[in-house]
Amino acid sequence: MRKPCCEKKETNKGAWSKLEDQKLTDYIRKHGEGCWRSLPQAAGLLRCGKSCRLRWVNYLRPDLKRGNFGEDEEELIIKLHALLGNRWSLIAGRLPGRTDNEVKNYWNTHIKRKLLQMGIEPNNRRSLLSRIITKSNFSNVFNSDNQPLKSASASEVICTRLPDLNLDLTIAPPLMEEKQLINLESTQVGYNV
């Protein structure tokens, strides 16, 4: 059994101070991320390694994007959630500067509520895949003939642009090259009874 990374009685819990943030940032800039279990002591922090890792990954990294989500990000989250479900790390990977935790929280607090108000079940992937949600100020929307619409109200749902995908996964042997397949078929012809 692995021993705890820190003594719980000696660690700070709760909100991080600016001084703690600065110590963690300075240490990582100088030494890199390395081993999170030993980092707090080396950086002079009375925190758990997990707490340091989460603070860095979700709040302090210099490449993180701050501020509200844009309409393009929101639309991408909806489309990716329809394809991938609650795989927040995969979704966040397509949104530079956004963390999986931030995307998950935004989905649960904003997008899910907005979809429900529009009469769309947010967890119904098939329904989401076949729809594009529009906003009154979103002018880049197309009708079923791929002609641009001049304006679209928030309640309009247009069933175009996204294919009806089969998301059922099956296990199958790897695909063979065409020449290998022809050779395999020609060798098996002589053995058929």
N, C-alpha and C. Protein backbone atom coordinates (compact mmCIF):
# COMPACT_ATOMS: atom_id res chain seq x y z
N MET A 1 0.85 -1.19 0.00
CA MET A 1 0.00 0.00 0.00
C MET A 1 0.89 1.25 0.00
N ARG A 2 0.52 2.20 -0.80
CA ARG A 2 1.29 3.43 -0.94
C ARG A 2 0.96 4.38 0.21
N LYS A 3 1.99 4.98 0.78
CA LYS A 3 1.73 5.91 1.89
C LYS A 3 1.25 7.24 1.35
N PRO A 4 0.51 8.00 2.15
CA PRO A 4 0.00 9.30 1.68
C PRO A 4 1.15 10.22 1.29
N CYS A 5 0.87 11.12 0.35
CA CYS A 5 1.91 12.03 -0.14
C CYS A 5 2.24 13.11 0.87
N CYS A 6 1.39 13.32 1.83
CA CYS A 6 1.65 14.36 2.82
C CYS A 6 0.97 14.02 4.14
N GLU A 7 1.40 14.62 5.18
CA GLU A 7 0.73 14.47 6.47
C GLU A 7 -0.44 15.44 6.49
N LYS A 8 -1.63 14.91 6.60
CA LYS A 8 -2.84 15.74 6.50
C LYS A 8 -2.89 16.84 7.56
N LYS A 9 -2.35 16.57 8.74
CA LYS A 9 -2.45 17.56 9.82
C LYS A 9 -1.58 18.79 9.58
N GLU A 10 -0.57 18.69 8.72
CA GLU A 10 0.36 19.80 8.50
C GLU A 10 0.09 20.57 7.21
N THR A 11 -0.93 20.21 6.47
CA THR A 11 -1.16 20.87 5.19
C THR A 11 -2.25 21.93 5.28
N ASN A 12 -2.10 22.97 4.48
CA ASN A 12 -3.14 23.99 4.36
C ASN A 12 -4.25 23.44 3.50
N LYS A 13 -5.45 23.82 3.82
CA LYS A 13 -6.61 23.43 3.02
C LYS A 13 -7.38 24.69 2.69
N GLY A 14 -8.20 24.62 1.68
CA GLY A 14 -9.02 25.77 1.32
C GLY A 14 -8.36 26.65 0.28
N ALA A 15 -8.74 27.92 0.29
CA ALA A 15 -8.30 28.87 -0.73
C ALA A 15 -6.79 29.06 -0.72
N TRP A 16 -6.24 29.23 -1.91
CA TRP A 16 -4.82 29.49 -2.05
C TRP A 16 -4.57 31.00 -1.91
N SER A 17 -3.46 31.34 -1.23
CA SER A 17 -3.09 32.75 -1.12
C SER A 17 -2.25 33.15 -2.34
N LYS A 18 -2.10 34.45 -2.54
CA LYS A 18 -1.27 34.93 -3.65
C LYS A 18 0.17 34.51 -3.46
N LEU A 19 0.64 34.47 -2.21
CA LEU A 19 2.00 34.05 -1.93
C LEU A 19 2.22 32.58 -2.30
N GLU A 20 1.25 31.73 -1.97
CA GLU A 20 1.34 30.32 -2.34
C GLU A 20 1.34 30.15 -3.86
N ASP A 21 0.45 30.86 -4.53
CA ASP A 21 0.42 30.82 -6.00
C ASP A 21 1.77 31.22 -6.58
N GLN A 22 2.36 32.27 -6.03
CA GLN A 22 3.64 32.76 -6.53
C GLN A 22 4.75 31.74 -6.30
N LYS A 23 4.77 31.12 -5.12
CA LYS A 23 5.78 30.09 -4.82
C LYS A 23 5.67 28.92 -5.79
N LEU A 24 4.44 28.47 -6.02
CA LEU A 24 4.22 27.34 -6.93
C LEU A 24 4.63 27.70 -8.36
N THR A 25 4.22 28.87 -8.82
CA THR A 25 4.56 29.32 -10.17
C THR A 25 6.07 29.47 -10.35
N ASP A 26 6.72 30.10 -9.39
CA ASP A 26 8.17 30.30 -9.47
C ASP A 26 8.90 28.97 -9.50
N TYR A 27 8.47 28.04 -8.65
CA TYR A 27 9.14 26.74 -8.59
C TYR A 27 9.00 25.99 -9.92
N ILE A 28 7.79 25.97 -10.47
CA ILE A 28 7.56 25.23 -11.72
C ILE A 28 8.28 25.89 -12.88
N ARG A 29 8.35 27.20 -12.92
CA ARG A 29 9.10 27.88 -13.98
C ARG A 29 10.58 27.52 -13.93
N LYS A 30 11.11 27.40 -12.73
CA LYS A 30 12.53 27.12 -12.57
C LYS A 30 12.87 25.64 -12.75
N HIS A 31 12.02 24.75 -12.19
CA HIS A 31 12.35 23.32 -12.15
C HIS A 31 11.46 22.43 -13.02
N GLY A 32 10.39 22.96 -13.55
CA GLY A 32 9.44 22.13 -14.30
C GLY A 32 8.47 21.44 -13.36
N GLU A 33 7.52 20.72 -13.95
CA GLU A 33 6.48 20.09 -13.14
C GLU A 33 7.01 18.94 -12.30
N GLY A 34 7.73 18.01 -12.90
CA GLY A 34 8.36 16.93 -12.14
C GLY A 34 7.41 16.09 -11.32
N CYS A 35 7.85 15.70 -10.14
CA CYS A 35 7.10 14.82 -9.25
C CYS A 35 6.21 15.66 -8.32
N TRP A 36 4.91 15.49 -8.46
CA TRP A 36 3.98 16.29 -7.67
C TRP A 36 4.01 15.94 -6.20
N ARG A 37 4.40 14.70 -5.87
CA ARG A 37 4.44 14.29 -4.46
C ARG A 37 5.53 15.03 -3.69
N SER A 38 6.65 15.29 -4.34
CA SER A 38 7.76 15.95 -3.65
C SER A 38 7.78 17.47 -3.88
N LEU A 39 7.02 17.96 -4.83
CA LEU A 39 7.04 19.38 -5.18
C LEU A 39 6.67 20.31 -4.02
N PRO A 40 5.60 20.04 -3.26
CA PRO A 40 5.21 21.00 -2.22
C PRO A 40 6.34 21.30 -1.22
N GLN A 41 7.02 20.27 -0.77
CA GLN A 41 8.11 20.49 0.19
C GLN A 41 9.25 21.24 -0.47
N ALA A 42 9.61 20.86 -1.69
CA ALA A 42 10.71 21.52 -2.39
C ALA A 42 10.39 22.99 -2.69
N ALA A 43 9.12 23.30 -2.91
CA ALA A 43 8.71 24.67 -3.22
C ALA A 43 8.43 25.49 -1.96
N GLY A 44 8.49 24.84 -0.81
CA GLY A 44 8.23 25.54 0.44
C GLY A 44 6.75 25.77 0.70
N LEU A 45 5.91 24.82 0.25
CA LEU A 45 4.47 24.94 0.42
C LEU A 45 3.96 23.91 1.42
N LEU A 46 3.01 24.29 2.22
CA LEU A 46 2.35 23.35 3.13
C LEU A 46 1.05 22.88 2.49
N ARG A 47 1.20 22.26 1.34
CA ARG A 47 0.07 21.76 0.57
C ARG A 47 0.33 20.32 0.17
N CYS A 48 -0.73 19.63 -0.19
CA CYS A 48 -0.65 18.27 -0.72
C CYS A 48 -0.19 18.35 -2.18
N GLY A 49 0.50 17.33 -2.65
CA GLY A 49 0.95 17.29 -4.04
C GLY A 49 -0.21 17.36 -5.02
N LYS A 50 -1.30 16.68 -4.69
CA LYS A 50 -2.48 16.70 -5.56
C LYS A 50 -3.05 18.12 -5.65
N SER A 51 -3.10 18.80 -4.52
CA SER A 51 -3.60 20.17 -4.49
C SER A 51 -2.74 21.08 -5.37
N CYS A 52 -1.42 20.89 -5.31
CA CYS A 52 -0.50 21.69 -6.14
C CYS A 52 -0.72 21.40 -7.62
N ARG A 53 -0.84 20.13 -7.95
CA ARG A 53 -1.06 19.75 -9.35
C ARG A 53 -2.35 20.36 -9.87
N LEU A 54 -3.45 20.23 -9.14
CA LEU A 54 -4.73 20.77 -9.58
C LEU A 54 -4.71 22.29 -9.69
N ARG A 55 -4.03 22.95 -8.75
CA ARG A 55 -3.94 24.41 -8.80
C ARG A 55 -3.19 24.85 -10.05
N TRP A 56 -2.10 24.16 -10.35
CA TRP A 56 -1.30 24.51 -11.54
C TRP A 56 -2.08 24.23 -12.82
N VAL A 57 -2.61 23.03 -12.93
CA VAL A 57 -3.27 22.60 -14.17
C VAL A 57 -4.54 23.42 -14.46
N ASN A 58 -5.32 23.73 -13.43
CA ASN A 58 -6.61 24.37 -13.65
C ASN A 58 -6.61 25.90 -13.53
N TYR A 59 -5.56 26.48 -12.90
CA TYR A 59 -5.61 27.92 -12.66
C TYR A 59 -4.35 28.70 -13.01
N LEU A 60 -3.18 28.14 -12.81
CA LEU A 60 -1.95 28.93 -12.89
C LEU A 60 -1.15 28.78 -14.17
N ARG A 61 -1.39 27.75 -14.94
CA ARG A 61 -0.63 27.55 -16.18
C ARG A 61 -0.71 28.79 -17.05
N PRO A 62 0.41 29.23 -17.63
CA PRO A 62 0.40 30.46 -18.43
C PRO A 62 -0.39 30.34 -19.74
N ASP A 63 -0.61 29.13 -20.25
CA ASP A 63 -1.33 28.97 -21.52
C ASP A 63 -2.84 28.88 -21.35
N LEU A 64 -3.35 29.04 -20.14
CA LEU A 64 -4.79 28.96 -19.92
C LEU A 64 -5.49 30.21 -20.43
N LYS A 65 -6.66 30.00 -20.99
CA LYS A 65 -7.48 31.09 -21.51
C LYS A 65 -8.45 31.50 -20.41
N ARG A 66 -8.53 32.76 -20.16
CA ARG A 66 -9.43 33.28 -19.12
C ARG A 66 -10.60 33.99 -19.77
N GLY A 67 -11.69 34.06 -19.04
CA GLY A 67 -12.83 34.82 -19.54
C GLY A 67 -13.94 33.93 -20.05
N ASN A 68 -14.96 34.58 -20.56
CA ASN A 68 -16.16 33.88 -21.03
C ASN A 68 -15.87 33.04 -22.27
N PHE A 69 -16.70 32.02 -22.45
CA PHE A 69 -16.63 31.20 -23.65
C PHE A 69 -17.30 31.95 -24.79
N GLY A 70 -16.70 31.86 -25.98
CA GLY A 70 -17.29 32.48 -27.16
C GLY A 70 -18.36 31.60 -27.77
N GLU A 71 -19.13 32.17 -28.71
CA GLU A 71 -20.17 31.39 -29.39
C GLU A 71 -19.59 30.21 -30.14
N ASP A 72 -18.42 30.41 -30.77
CA ASP A 72 -17.79 29.32 -31.51
C ASP A 72 -17.36 28.20 -30.56
N GLU A 73 -16.85 28.55 -29.39
CA GLU A 73 -16.47 27.54 -28.41
C GLU A 73 -17.70 26.79 -27.90
N GLU A 74 -18.76 27.52 -27.65
CA GLU A 74 -20.00 26.91 -27.16
C GLU A 74 -20.55 25.92 -28.18
N GLU A 75 -20.59 26.33 -29.44
CA GLU A 75 -21.09 25.45 -30.50
C GLU A 75 -20.21 24.20 -30.63
N LEU A 76 -18.90 24.38 -30.53
CA LEU A 76 -17.98 23.25 -30.61
C LEU A 76 -18.18 22.29 -29.44
N ILE A 77 -18.39 22.83 -28.25
CA ILE A 77 -18.65 21.97 -27.08
C ILE A 77 -19.90 21.15 -27.29
N ILE A 78 -20.96 21.76 -27.82
CA ILE A 78 -22.21 21.04 -28.06
C ILE A 78 -21.99 19.91 -29.06
N LYS A 79 -21.30 20.22 -30.16
CA LYS A 79 -21.05 19.19 -31.18
C LYS A 79 -20.18 18.07 -30.64
N LEU A 80 -19.13 18.43 -29.92
CA LEU A 80 -18.22 17.40 -29.40
C LEU A 80 -18.90 16.58 -28.31
N HIS A 81 -19.74 17.20 -27.50
CA HIS A 81 -20.46 16.45 -26.47
C HIS A 81 -21.43 15.46 -27.12
N ALA A 82 -22.03 15.87 -28.24
CA ALA A 82 -22.92 14.97 -28.97
C ALA A 82 -22.16 13.75 -29.48
N LEU A 83 -20.92 13.97 -29.89
CA LEU A 83 -20.10 12.87 -30.40
C LEU A 83 -19.44 12.04 -29.30
N LEU A 84 -18.94 12.71 -28.25
CA LEU A 84 -18.08 12.06 -27.26
C LEU A 84 -18.71 11.85 -25.89
N GLY A 85 -19.84 12.48 -25.64
CA GLY A 85 -20.44 12.38 -24.31
C GLY A 85 -19.64 13.18 -23.30
N ASN A 86 -19.55 12.68 -22.08
CA ASN A 86 -18.89 13.40 -21.00
C ASN A 86 -17.38 13.18 -20.95
N ARG A 87 -16.74 13.04 -22.05
CA ARG A 87 -15.28 12.88 -22.10
C ARG A 87 -14.66 14.27 -22.16
N TRP A 88 -14.62 14.93 -21.01
CA TRP A 88 -14.25 16.33 -20.93
C TRP A 88 -12.82 16.59 -21.35
N SER A 89 -11.91 15.67 -21.08
CA SER A 89 -10.51 15.87 -21.49
C SER A 89 -10.38 15.90 -23.00
N LEU A 90 -11.10 15.01 -23.68
CA LEU A 90 -11.06 14.99 -25.15
C LEU A 90 -11.68 16.26 -25.73
N ILE A 91 -12.77 16.71 -25.12
CA ILE A 91 -13.43 17.93 -25.59
C ILE A 91 -12.52 19.13 -25.36
N ALA A 92 -11.94 19.23 -24.17
CA ALA A 92 -11.06 20.36 -23.85
C ALA A 92 -9.82 20.36 -24.74
N GLY A 93 -9.39 19.21 -25.19
CA GLY A 93 -8.24 19.12 -26.08
C GLY A 93 -8.46 19.84 -27.40
N ARG A 94 -9.72 20.05 -27.79
CA ARG A 94 -10.05 20.75 -29.03
C ARG A 94 -10.30 22.24 -28.80
N LEU A 95 -10.21 22.67 -27.54
CA LEU A 95 -10.42 24.07 -27.18
C LEU A 95 -9.14 24.59 -26.53
N PRO A 96 -8.22 25.14 -27.30
CA PRO A 96 -6.94 25.58 -26.75
C PRO A 96 -7.10 26.55 -25.58
N GLY A 97 -6.37 26.27 -24.51
CA GLY A 97 -6.40 27.14 -23.34
C GLY A 97 -7.51 26.85 -22.36
N ARG A 98 -8.36 25.90 -22.65
CA ARG A 98 -9.46 25.54 -21.75
C ARG A 98 -9.16 24.21 -21.08
N THR A 99 -9.51 24.09 -19.80
CA THR A 99 -9.26 22.84 -19.08
C THR A 99 -10.51 21.97 -19.11
N ASP A 100 -10.32 20.68 -18.88
CA ASP A 100 -11.45 19.76 -18.86
C ASP A 100 -12.44 20.14 -17.76
N ASN A 101 -11.93 20.57 -16.62
CA ASN A 101 -12.78 20.97 -15.51
C ASN A 101 -13.60 22.20 -15.87
N GLU A 102 -12.98 23.16 -16.53
CA GLU A 102 -13.66 24.38 -16.93
C GLU A 102 -14.76 24.10 -17.96
N VAL A 103 -14.46 23.22 -18.92
CA VAL A 103 -15.45 22.86 -19.95
C VAL A 103 -16.62 22.11 -19.31
N LYS A 104 -16.33 21.18 -18.41
CA LYS A 104 -17.38 20.43 -17.72
C LYS A 104 -18.27 21.38 -16.93
N ASN A 105 -17.67 22.29 -16.19
CA ASN A 105 -18.45 23.23 -15.39
C ASN A 105 -19.31 24.14 -16.28
N TYR A 106 -18.75 24.56 -17.41
CA TYR A 106 -19.51 25.42 -18.33
C TYR A 106 -20.69 24.66 -18.93
N TRP A 107 -20.47 23.39 -19.27
CA TRP A 107 -21.55 22.55 -19.80
C TRP A 107 -22.68 22.45 -18.78
N ASN A 108 -22.31 22.12 -17.54
CA ASN A 108 -23.33 21.89 -16.51
C ASN A 108 -24.04 23.15 -16.06
N THR A 109 -23.39 24.30 -16.09
CA THR A 109 -24.01 25.52 -15.58
C THR A 109 -24.64 26.39 -16.65
N HIS A 110 -24.19 26.31 -17.89
CA HIS A 110 -24.70 27.19 -18.93
C HIS A 110 -25.37 26.45 -20.09
N ILE A 111 -24.60 25.60 -20.77
CA ILE A 111 -25.09 24.99 -22.01
C ILE A 111 -26.26 24.05 -21.76
N LYS A 112 -26.14 23.21 -20.75
CA LYS A 112 -27.21 22.25 -20.45
C LYS A 112 -28.53 22.98 -20.20
N ARG A 113 -28.48 24.03 -19.41
CA ARG A 113 -29.67 24.81 -19.08
C ARG A 113 -30.25 25.47 -20.34
N LYS A 114 -29.36 25.99 -21.18
CA LYS A 114 -29.80 26.65 -22.41
C LYS A 114 -30.49 25.65 -23.35
N LEU A 115 -29.93 24.44 -23.47
CA LEU A 115 -30.53 23.42 -24.32
C LEU A 115 -31.90 23.00 -23.79
N LEU A 116 -32.00 22.83 -22.47
CA LEU A 116 -33.29 22.46 -21.88
C LEU A 116 -34.34 23.54 -22.12
N GLN A 117 -33.95 24.81 -22.04
CA GLN A 117 -34.90 25.90 -22.30
C GLN A 117 -35.37 25.91 -23.75
N MET A 118 -34.55 25.38 -24.64
CA MET A 118 -34.92 25.31 -26.06
C MET A 118 -35.69 24.02 -26.36
N GLY A 119 -35.94 23.20 -25.33
CA GLY A 119 -36.69 21.96 -25.53
C GLY A 119 -35.84 20.84 -26.08
N ILE A 120 -34.54 20.88 -25.88
CA ILE A 120 -33.63 19.86 -26.38
C ILE A 120 -33.04 19.11 -25.21
N GLU A 121 -33.11 17.79 -25.24
CA GLU A 121 -32.53 16.97 -24.17
C GLU A 121 -31.01 16.96 -24.35
N PRO A 122 -30.25 17.54 -23.41
CA PRO A 122 -28.80 17.69 -23.60
C PRO A 122 -28.02 16.38 -23.63
N ASN A 123 -28.56 15.32 -23.03
CA ASN A 123 -27.82 14.07 -23.00
C ASN A 123 -28.24 13.09 -24.09
N ASN A 124 -29.14 13.51 -24.99
CA ASN A 124 -29.57 12.67 -26.10
C ASN A 124 -28.63 12.94 -27.28
N ARG A 125 -27.63 12.11 -27.44
CA ARG A 125 -26.60 12.34 -28.46
C ARG A 125 -27.17 12.36 -29.87
N ARG A 126 -28.07 11.43 -30.18
CA ARG A 126 -28.61 11.35 -31.52
C ARG A 126 -29.36 12.63 -31.87
N SER A 127 -30.12 13.12 -30.92
CA SER A 127 -30.87 14.36 -31.14
C SER A 127 -29.92 15.54 -31.35
N LEU A 128 -28.87 15.61 -30.53
CA LEU A 128 -27.92 16.72 -30.65
C LEU A 128 -27.14 16.64 -31.95
N LEU A 129 -26.79 15.43 -32.37
CA LEU A 129 -26.02 15.29 -33.61
C LEU A 129 -26.79 15.75 -34.83
N SER A 130 -28.09 15.62 -34.80
CA SER A 130 -28.88 15.96 -35.99
C SER A 130 -29.36 17.41 -35.97
N ARG A 131 -28.90 18.19 -35.00
CA ARG A 131 -29.37 19.57 -34.89
C ARG A 131 -28.22 20.56 -34.82
N ILE A 132 -28.51 21.76 -35.25
CA ILE A 132 -27.61 22.88 -35.02
C ILE A 132 -28.43 23.91 -34.29
N ILE A 133 -27.94 24.32 -33.14
CA ILE A 133 -28.66 25.30 -32.34
C ILE A 133 -28.23 26.68 -32.79
N THR A 134 -29.19 27.51 -33.04
CA THR A 134 -28.87 28.85 -33.51
C THR A 134 -29.26 29.89 -32.48
N LYS A 135 -28.66 31.05 -32.58
CA LYS A 135 -28.99 32.19 -31.73
C LYS A 135 -29.48 33.30 -32.63
N SER A 136 -30.19 34.24 -32.05
CA SER A 136 -30.75 35.32 -32.87
C SER A 136 -29.66 36.14 -33.55
N ASN A 137 -28.48 36.21 -32.98
CA ASN A 137 -27.41 37.00 -33.58
C ASN A 137 -26.41 36.12 -34.34
N PHE A 138 -26.73 34.87 -34.56
CA PHE A 138 -25.85 33.95 -35.28
C PHE A 138 -26.28 33.91 -36.73
N SER A 139 -25.54 34.54 -37.63
CA SER A 139 -26.00 34.70 -39.02
C SER A 139 -25.42 33.66 -39.97
N ASN A 140 -24.53 32.83 -39.51
CA ASN A 140 -23.84 31.89 -40.39
C ASN A 140 -24.54 30.53 -40.38
N VAL A 141 -25.87 30.52 -40.57
CA VAL A 141 -26.65 29.30 -40.50
C VAL A 141 -27.24 29.00 -41.87
N PHE A 142 -27.36 27.72 -42.19
CA PHE A 142 -27.84 27.32 -43.50
C PHE A 142 -29.12 26.52 -43.37
N ASN A 143 -30.02 26.62 -44.38
CA ASN A 143 -31.22 25.81 -44.38
C ASN A 143 -30.94 24.45 -45.03
N SER A 144 -31.99 23.66 -45.23
CA SER A 144 -31.81 22.30 -45.76
C SER A 144 -31.26 22.29 -47.19
N ASP A 145 -31.37 23.41 -47.92
CA ASP A 145 -30.79 23.51 -49.27
C ASP A 145 -29.40 24.12 -49.25
N ASN A 146 -28.82 24.22 -48.07
CA ASN A 146 -27.50 24.83 -47.87
C ASN A 146 -27.46 26.28 -48.31
N GLN A 147 -28.60 26.96 -48.25
CA GLN A 147 -28.66 28.39 -48.53
C GLN A 147 -28.61 29.13 -47.19
N PRO A 148 -27.83 30.20 -47.11
CA PRO A 148 -27.75 30.92 -45.83
C PRO A 148 -29.08 31.55 -45.45
N LEU A 149 -29.42 31.45 -44.16
CA LEU A 149 -30.60 32.11 -43.65
C LEU A 149 -30.22 33.54 -43.27
N LYS A 150 -31.11 34.48 -43.48
CA LYS A 150 -30.83 35.88 -43.14
C LYS A 150 -30.80 36.05 -41.62
N SER A 151 -31.77 35.46 -40.93
CA SER A 151 -31.78 35.54 -39.47
C SER A 151 -32.42 34.28 -38.94
N ALA A 152 -32.06 33.92 -37.74
CA ALA A 152 -32.61 32.73 -37.11
C ALA A 152 -32.94 33.05 -35.67
N SER A 153 -34.14 32.68 -35.25
CA SER A 153 -34.52 32.95 -33.86
C SER A 153 -33.91 31.87 -32.98
N ALA A 154 -33.87 32.15 -31.69
CA ALA A 154 -33.25 31.23 -30.73
C ALA A 154 -33.99 29.90 -30.66
N SER A 155 -35.26 29.88 -31.03
CA SER A 155 -36.02 28.63 -30.92
C SER A 155 -35.91 27.76 -32.17
N GLU A 156 -35.32 28.29 -33.24
CA GLU A 156 -35.20 27.51 -34.46
C GLU A 156 -34.11 26.47 -34.31
N VAL A 157 -34.40 25.27 -34.74
CA VAL A 157 -33.43 24.20 -34.76
C VAL A 157 -33.39 23.66 -36.17
N ILE A 158 -32.25 23.69 -36.78
CA ILE A 158 -32.10 23.32 -38.17
C ILE A 158 -31.40 21.98 -38.27
N CYS A 159 -32.05 21.04 -38.92
CA CYS A 159 -31.52 19.68 -39.00
C CYS A 159 -30.69 19.51 -40.26
N THR A 160 -29.48 20.06 -40.27
CA THR A 160 -28.58 19.93 -41.40
C THR A 160 -27.15 19.91 -40.92
N ARG A 161 -26.24 19.73 -41.86
CA ARG A 161 -24.79 19.89 -41.68
C ARG A 161 -24.12 18.84 -40.83
N LEU A 162 -24.82 18.13 -39.97
CA LEU A 162 -24.19 17.09 -39.18
C LEU A 162 -24.71 15.74 -39.64
N PRO A 163 -23.84 14.79 -39.95
CA PRO A 163 -24.30 13.49 -40.43
C PRO A 163 -24.91 12.68 -39.30
N ASP A 164 -25.76 11.71 -39.67
CA ASP A 164 -26.31 10.77 -38.71
C ASP A 164 -25.24 9.70 -38.50
N LEU A 165 -24.51 9.79 -37.41
CA LEU A 165 -23.38 8.90 -37.16
C LEU A 165 -23.78 7.71 -36.32
N ASN A 166 -23.24 6.56 -36.63
CA ASN A 166 -23.41 5.37 -35.81
C ASN A 166 -22.24 5.33 -34.84
N LEU A 167 -22.52 5.53 -33.57
CA LEU A 167 -21.46 5.58 -32.57
C LEU A 167 -21.23 4.25 -31.88
N ASP A 168 -21.90 3.18 -32.35
CA ASP A 168 -21.68 1.86 -31.78
C ASP A 168 -20.31 1.36 -32.19
N LEU A 169 -19.52 0.96 -31.20
CA LEU A 169 -18.16 0.49 -31.48
C LEU A 169 -18.13 -1.03 -31.48
N THR A 170 -17.40 -1.61 -32.41
CA THR A 170 -17.24 -3.06 -32.46
C THR A 170 -15.76 -3.38 -32.60
N ILE A 171 -15.42 -4.57 -32.17
CA ILE A 171 -14.03 -5.03 -32.30
C ILE A 171 -13.95 -5.86 -33.58
N ALA A 172 -13.00 -5.54 -34.42
CA ALA A 172 -12.83 -6.24 -35.69
C ALA A 172 -11.34 -6.37 -35.98
N PRO A 173 -10.98 -7.34 -36.80
CA PRO A 173 -9.56 -7.45 -37.17
C PRO A 173 -9.13 -6.23 -37.97
N PRO A 174 -7.84 -5.92 -37.97
CA PRO A 174 -7.37 -4.75 -38.72
C PRO A 174 -7.64 -4.91 -40.21
N LEU A 175 -7.86 -3.80 -40.89
CA LEU A 175 -8.11 -3.83 -42.33
C LEU A 175 -6.85 -4.28 -43.06
N MET A 176 -7.07 -5.10 -44.08
CA MET A 176 -5.94 -5.59 -44.88
C MET A 176 -5.82 -4.75 -46.13
N GLU A 177 -4.63 -4.69 -46.64
CA GLU A 177 -4.41 -4.04 -47.93
C GLU A 177 -5.15 -4.85 -48.99
N GLU A 178 -5.53 -4.22 -50.09
CA GLU A 178 -6.30 -4.89 -51.13
C GLU A 178 -5.55 -6.08 -51.71
N LYS A 179 -4.24 -5.94 -51.92
CA LYS A 179 -3.46 -7.05 -52.50
C LYS A 179 -3.43 -8.23 -51.55
N GLN A 180 -3.27 -7.97 -50.24
CA GLN A 180 -3.25 -9.06 -49.26
C GLN A 180 -4.60 -9.77 -49.25
N LEU A 181 -5.68 -9.01 -49.34
CA LEU A 181 -7.01 -9.58 -49.31
C LEU A 181 -7.24 -10.47 -50.54
N ILE A 182 -6.80 -10.02 -51.72
CA ILE A 182 -6.95 -10.81 -52.94
C ILE A 182 -6.14 -12.10 -52.83
N ASN A 183 -4.91 -12.00 -52.33
CA ASN A 183 -4.07 -13.19 -52.13
C ASN A 183 -4.72 -14.16 -51.16
N LEU A 184 -5.29 -13.66 -50.08
CA LEU A 184 -5.93 -14.50 -49.08
C LEU A 184 -7.14 -15.20 -49.68
N GLU A 185 -7.95 -14.47 -50.46
CA GLU A 185 -9.13 -15.07 -51.09
C GLU A 185 -8.73 -16.13 -52.11
N SER A 186 -7.67 -15.87 -52.87
CA SER A 186 -7.27 -16.83 -53.89
C SER A 186 -6.70 -18.10 -53.27
N THR A 187 -6.07 -18.00 -52.13
CA THR A 187 -5.54 -19.22 -51.48
C THR A 187 -6.65 -20.01 -50.81
N GLN A 188 -7.72 -19.35 -50.39
CA GLN A 188 -8.82 -20.04 -49.71
C GLN A 188 -9.76 -20.71 -50.72
N VAL A 189 -9.77 -20.26 -51.97
CA VAL A 189 -10.69 -20.82 -52.97
C VAL A 189 -10.47 -22.31 -53.14
N GLY A 190 -9.24 -22.76 -53.16
CA GLY A 190 -8.93 -24.16 -53.36
C GLY A 190 -9.32 -25.05 -52.18
N TYR A 191 -9.56 -24.45 -51.00
CA TYR A 191 -9.85 -25.23 -49.81
C TYR A 191 -11.32 -25.31 -49.49
N ASN A 192 -12.17 -24.60 -50.24
CA ASN A 192 -13.62 -24.63 -49.95
C ASN A 192 -14.20 -25.97 -50.31
N VAL A 193 -15.08 -26.49 -49.49
CA VAL A 193 -15.68 -27.80 -49.73
C VAL A 193 -17.07 -27.64 -50.26
